[in-house]
Amino acid sequence: MCDNVLTFCEFLARLKHLPRTGWVNNNVRNPETVAGHMYRMAMLMFCVDTKKEGVDFNHCVKMALVHDLAESIIGDITPACNISKQAKFQWERAAMEKICEFVVANMADQVIRLFDEFERGMTKEAMLVRDLDKFDMLEQAMEYEKNENRPGELRSFLDCTVGVFVTDTVNKWAAKVRERYAEFSGTTSAFRQPAKLFETAPSCSNRRE
């Protein structure tokens, strides 16, 4: 069992140091890691009125913490990688099954169920966590533009979240981000409709064989 724990730690270590592909491809100086992304998603649950949203707090936190676990094996695949959603899901599902060989059996089943639930996006918890996933990207894009003095350069990341939020809570948060972004960038025009994140598809070099 101890060997399994250490192997599982290795998977987690990869996520702690794996930069998110979208930021790397847009030349962000110190891009966040996959683990950092999942951590903020989980912590944001402390800002959610779970009774109002009708969700279970613990369930959402666990889902946020495992939803990108497969990237410790396959890397952070983005739409720009030109990989079909079906292929991406199959790779991620296989990676999750491999990773779960190293956790306690009853926990492994739970991790797989959480991953599948997130991917389907049908439950209230899954819809909220998927919103948190997109919101973190939205907020992160604004942070990078401000911190690196790059107004407007990462706007496509904000544009692609227009009209995608399904929960009232996160939709309000997103509106506030856009309001602050407009103040920072000096624009008051409405955000464009969802746009491609990249004009050309960069290579995806962080996949683990």
Protein backbone atom coordinates (compact mmCIF):
# COMPACT_ATOMS: atom_id res chain seq x y z
CA MET A 1 0.00 0.00 0.00
CA CYS A 2 2.85 2.40 0.79
CA ASP A 3 4.22 1.95 -2.72
CA ASN A 4 0.81 2.85 -4.13
CA VAL A 5 0.71 6.02 -2.06
CA LEU A 6 4.10 7.09 -3.34
CA THR A 7 3.08 6.41 -6.93
CA PHE A 8 -0.10 8.43 -6.42
CA CYS A 9 2.07 11.22 -5.02
CA GLU A 10 4.04 11.18 -8.25
CA PHE A 11 0.86 11.77 -10.26
CA LEU A 12 -0.04 14.68 -7.98
CA ALA A 13 3.47 16.09 -8.25
CA ARG A 14 3.11 16.26 -12.02
CA LEU A 15 -0.03 18.36 -11.62
CA LYS A 16 1.72 20.66 -9.14
CA HIS A 17 4.29 21.52 -11.79
CA LEU A 18 2.31 21.11 -15.03
CA PRO A 19 1.56 24.56 -16.54
CA ARG A 20 -1.77 24.97 -18.25
CA THR A 21 -1.37 24.80 -22.01
CA GLY A 22 -3.47 27.82 -22.93
CA TRP A 23 -1.32 30.20 -20.93
CA VAL A 24 1.92 28.66 -22.16
CA ASN A 25 0.81 29.07 -25.77
CA ASN A 26 0.00 32.72 -25.08
CA ASN A 27 3.43 33.44 -23.60
CA VAL A 28 2.30 34.09 -20.04
CA ARG A 29 5.45 34.54 -17.97
CA ASN A 30 4.49 32.45 -14.94
CA PRO A 31 1.52 30.30 -15.98
CA GLU A 32 -0.57 28.63 -13.33
CA THR A 33 -0.36 24.88 -12.93
CA VAL A 34 -3.18 22.38 -13.30
CA ALA A 35 -3.10 21.76 -9.55
CA GLY A 36 -3.37 25.48 -8.85
CA HIS A 37 -6.37 25.70 -11.15
CA MET A 38 -8.18 22.86 -9.39
CA TYR A 39 -7.30 24.25 -5.97
CA ARG A 40 -8.88 27.63 -6.66
CA MET A 41 -11.97 25.94 -8.07
CA ALA A 42 -12.33 23.96 -4.85
CA MET A 43 -11.71 27.01 -2.64
CA LEU A 44 -14.31 29.03 -4.52
CA MET A 45 -16.93 26.68 -3.11
CA PHE A 46 -16.57 28.60 0.15
CA CYS A 47 -18.09 31.57 -1.71
CA VAL A 48 -21.11 29.63 -2.97
CA ASP A 49 -24.45 29.66 -1.16
CA THR A 50 -24.97 25.91 -1.52
CA LYS A 51 -28.53 26.07 -0.24
CA LYS A 52 -29.45 28.62 -2.90
CA GLU A 53 -27.78 26.60 -5.65
CA GLY A 54 -29.15 23.33 -4.29
CA VAL A 55 -25.80 21.54 -4.26
CA ASP A 56 -23.74 19.48 -1.83
CA PHE A 57 -20.60 21.36 -0.75
CA ASN A 58 -18.37 18.34 -0.15
CA HIS A 59 -19.42 16.70 -3.40
CA CYS A 60 -18.52 19.80 -5.39
CA VAL A 61 -15.15 20.23 -3.67
CA LYS A 62 -14.19 16.63 -4.38
CA MET A 63 -15.28 16.93 -8.00
CA ALA A 64 -13.23 20.09 -8.46
CA LEU A 65 -10.16 18.39 -7.03
CA VAL A 66 -10.30 15.33 -9.30
CA HIS A 67 -11.77 16.59 -12.58
CA ASP A 68 -8.36 17.23 -14.22
CA LEU A 69 -6.47 14.42 -12.50
CA ALA A 70 -6.02 12.58 -15.82
CA GLU A 71 -3.79 15.40 -17.05
CA SER A 72 -1.01 13.98 -14.89
CA ILE A 73 -0.72 11.33 -17.62
CA ILE A 74 -2.06 12.82 -20.85
CA GLY A 75 -1.18 16.47 -20.28
CA ASP A 76 -3.42 19.52 -20.59
CA ILE A 77 -5.26 19.12 -23.89
CA THR A 78 -6.96 22.26 -25.22
CA PRO A 79 -9.26 22.79 -28.24
CA ALA A 80 -6.21 24.11 -30.09
CA CYS A 81 -4.67 20.64 -30.00
CA ASN A 82 -7.13 19.49 -32.70
CA ILE A 83 -8.10 16.37 -30.77
CA SER A 84 -11.74 15.30 -30.89
CA LYS A 85 -13.83 15.47 -27.73
CA GLN A 86 -14.45 11.74 -27.96
CA ALA A 87 -10.75 10.90 -28.21
CA LYS A 88 -9.93 13.30 -25.38
CA PHE A 89 -12.55 11.71 -23.16
CA GLN A 90 -11.34 8.21 -23.95
CA TRP A 91 -7.75 9.15 -23.12
CA GLU A 92 -8.80 10.86 -19.92
CA ARG A 93 -11.04 7.98 -18.85
CA ALA A 94 -8.24 5.46 -19.42
CA ALA A 95 -5.82 7.68 -17.49
CA MET A 96 -8.27 7.98 -14.60
CA GLU A 97 -8.62 4.21 -14.42
CA LYS A 98 -4.84 3.85 -14.36
CA ILE A 99 -4.42 6.44 -11.62
CA CYS A 100 -7.17 4.88 -9.53
CA GLU A 101 -5.22 1.63 -9.37
CA PHE A 102 -3.11 3.36 -6.73
CA VAL A 103 -5.83 4.55 -4.35
CA VAL A 104 -8.03 2.62 -1.93
CA ALA A 105 -10.66 0.59 -3.80
CA ASN A 106 -13.75 2.33 -2.44
CA MET A 107 -12.15 5.71 -3.09
CA ALA A 108 -11.21 4.67 -6.63
CA ASP A 109 -14.84 4.02 -7.45
CA GLN A 110 -15.78 7.43 -6.07
CA VAL A 111 -13.08 9.22 -8.07
CA ILE A 112 -14.23 7.58 -11.31
CA ARG A 113 -17.85 8.45 -10.58
CA LEU A 114 -16.93 12.06 -9.88
CA PHE A 115 -14.99 12.28 -13.13
CA ASP A 116 -17.84 10.77 -15.14
CA GLU A 117 -20.36 13.05 -13.46
CA PHE A 118 -18.29 16.13 -14.28
CA GLU A 119 -17.91 15.07 -17.91
CA ARG A 120 -21.64 14.44 -18.34
CA GLY A 121 -22.50 17.75 -16.68
CA MET A 122 -26.06 16.75 -15.88
CA THR A 123 -26.29 17.11 -12.09
CA LYS A 124 -26.50 20.43 -10.27
CA GLU A 125 -23.10 19.78 -8.73
CA ALA A 126 -21.51 19.04 -12.09
CA MET A 127 -23.04 22.13 -13.68
CA LEU A 128 -21.72 24.30 -10.87
CA VAL A 129 -18.21 22.81 -10.96
CA ARG A 130 -18.09 23.15 -14.75
CA ASP A 131 -19.01 26.81 -14.28
CA LEU A 132 -16.22 27.19 -11.73
CA ASP A 133 -13.83 25.65 -14.26
CA LYS A 134 -14.67 28.30 -16.85
CA PHE A 135 -14.84 31.10 -14.29
CA ASP A 136 -11.32 30.39 -13.09
CA MET A 137 -10.07 30.74 -16.66
CA LEU A 138 -11.99 34.01 -17.05
CA GLU A 139 -10.59 35.45 -13.83
CA GLN A 140 -7.09 34.16 -14.57
CA ALA A 141 -7.03 35.82 -17.99
CA MET A 142 -7.85 39.18 -16.45
CA GLU A 143 -5.22 38.68 -13.75
CA TYR A 144 -2.52 37.95 -16.30
CA GLU A 145 -3.42 40.96 -18.43
CA LYS A 146 -3.24 43.22 -15.38
CA ASN A 147 -0.14 41.70 -13.81
CA GLU A 148 1.82 41.59 -17.06
CA ASN A 149 0.42 44.87 -18.44
CA ARG A 150 -1.02 43.18 -21.53
CA PRO A 151 -4.45 44.82 -21.93
CA GLY A 152 -6.56 43.07 -24.52
CA GLU A 153 -4.05 40.36 -25.38
CA LEU A 154 -5.91 37.54 -23.64
CA ARG A 155 -9.40 38.76 -24.39
CA SER A 156 -10.29 35.66 -26.39
CA PHE A 157 -10.27 33.70 -23.14
CA LEU A 158 -12.89 36.06 -21.78
CA ASP A 159 -14.90 36.17 -25.00
CA CYS A 160 -15.26 32.41 -25.14
CA THR A 161 -17.15 32.40 -21.84
CA VAL A 162 -19.92 34.72 -23.03
CA GLY A 163 -23.29 33.07 -22.45
CA VAL A 164 -21.87 29.77 -21.20
CA PHE A 165 -22.53 29.97 -17.46
CA VAL A 166 -25.61 28.10 -16.29
CA THR A 167 -25.62 28.84 -12.57
CA ASP A 168 -26.88 32.14 -11.21
CA THR A 169 -24.03 32.46 -8.73
CA VAL A 170 -21.14 32.08 -11.16
CA ASN A 171 -22.90 34.09 -13.85
CA LYS A 172 -22.97 37.05 -11.44
CA TRP A 173 -19.31 36.58 -10.62
CA ALA A 174 -18.45 36.52 -14.31
CA ALA A 175 -20.39 39.72 -14.92
CA LYS A 176 -18.33 41.44 -12.23
CA VAL A 177 -15.08 40.20 -13.79
CA ARG A 178 -16.14 41.62 -17.16
CA GLU A 179 -17.04 44.90 -15.51
CA ARG A 180 -13.60 45.19 -13.93
CA TYR A 181 -11.94 44.05 -17.14
CA ALA A 182 -13.68 46.85 -19.04
CA GLU A 183 -12.37 49.36 -16.49
CA PHE A 184 -8.85 47.98 -16.77
CA SER A 185 -8.75 47.75 -20.55
CA GLY A 186 -10.51 51.06 -21.08
CA THR A 187 -13.34 49.55 -23.10
CA THR A 188 -17.05 49.56 -22.42
CA SER A 189 -18.14 47.62 -25.48
CA ALA A 190 -19.93 44.32 -25.08
CA PHE A 191 -17.87 41.20 -25.17
CA ARG A 192 -17.68 39.43 -28.47
CA GLN A 193 -19.35 36.11 -29.06
CA PRO A 194 -17.32 32.97 -28.30
CA ALA A 195 -14.11 33.01 -30.29
CA LYS A 196 -11.39 30.52 -31.07
CA LEU A 197 -8.68 30.69 -28.45
CA PHE A 198 -5.95 30.41 -31.08
CA GLU A 199 -5.76 31.22 -34.76
CA THR A 200 -3.40 28.32 -35.37
CA ALA A 201 -3.10 25.11 -33.42
CA PRO A 202 0.12 24.90 -31.43
CA SER A 203 1.60 21.55 -30.60
CA CYS A 204 0.64 19.84 -27.36
CA SER A 205 3.97 18.84 -25.92
CA ASN A 206 3.06 18.07 -22.31
CA ARG A 207 1.40 14.73 -22.87
CA ARG A 208 2.88 11.90 -20.84
CA GLU A 209 3.34 8.62 -22.71
